[in-house]
Amino acid sequence: MFRLLRLVNRLLLGLAGLVLLCAGVVVLAVGTELSVPSWWPYSGPHDVLLSRADRYRWRGEGWWWPVVIAVLAVLVVLALWWLLAQLRRARLSEVLVDSGDGEGARVRGRALEEMLERETEADDGVARARARLTGRRRRAPAVRMRVLLEPYAAPERTIARVADDALAHARDSAGLDALPAEIRLRAARHGAERVR
């Protein structure tokens, strides 16, 4: 899915860039009164791209406006899909586990994330933990974790516990050779204590 998305992204960006570059060069050439190809309808600074006759040519046909609206609607939907695909972060939905029988098994990515979160939150000094499986291959995932620490927690101890316990258990249970992780720590805010 990610390869297809990357390919479509690059093709669309390349095509849009090429069209805009060609149009810009031709408009610049016409504006500076350089020669343009004979087939190009726009040949002078006061010319229009579509003449009045071209604009009203298909107006009387019954099929014209539904086709124009349908094409524009498809273009809008494709543009929105492309935009949402750019905003969506890569998240691994499943991990392939070697089951020993040659076929393998699939573990839901969210189940592995929840296990990491619960085991990390069980540690004393951790207020909240969020985990996200990332990566491009289901056999080689990586983890991004955000851990909210209580004010009294020791960051070094927390990172060691997460690496030695939660990440090691996740790696072993999924049968992975390695499980790279990026852990971001943040301290929970606390109010000042009043002394009486």
Foldseek 3Di string as FASTA:
>chain_A
DVVVLVVVVVVVVVVVVVVVVVVVVVVVCQDVQHADDPPQQDRHPPDDRADPCRVCVCVPPPVPVVVVVVVVVVVVVVVVVNVVVVVDDAFDQWAWACPPPPPTDIDGQVVLQVQLFVQLCVDPFWPGKGKTWGDDDRQAIEIEMETEGEPPDDVVVSVVCSVVPSLVVSCVVRVHPDHHYHYHYHYDDDDDDDDD
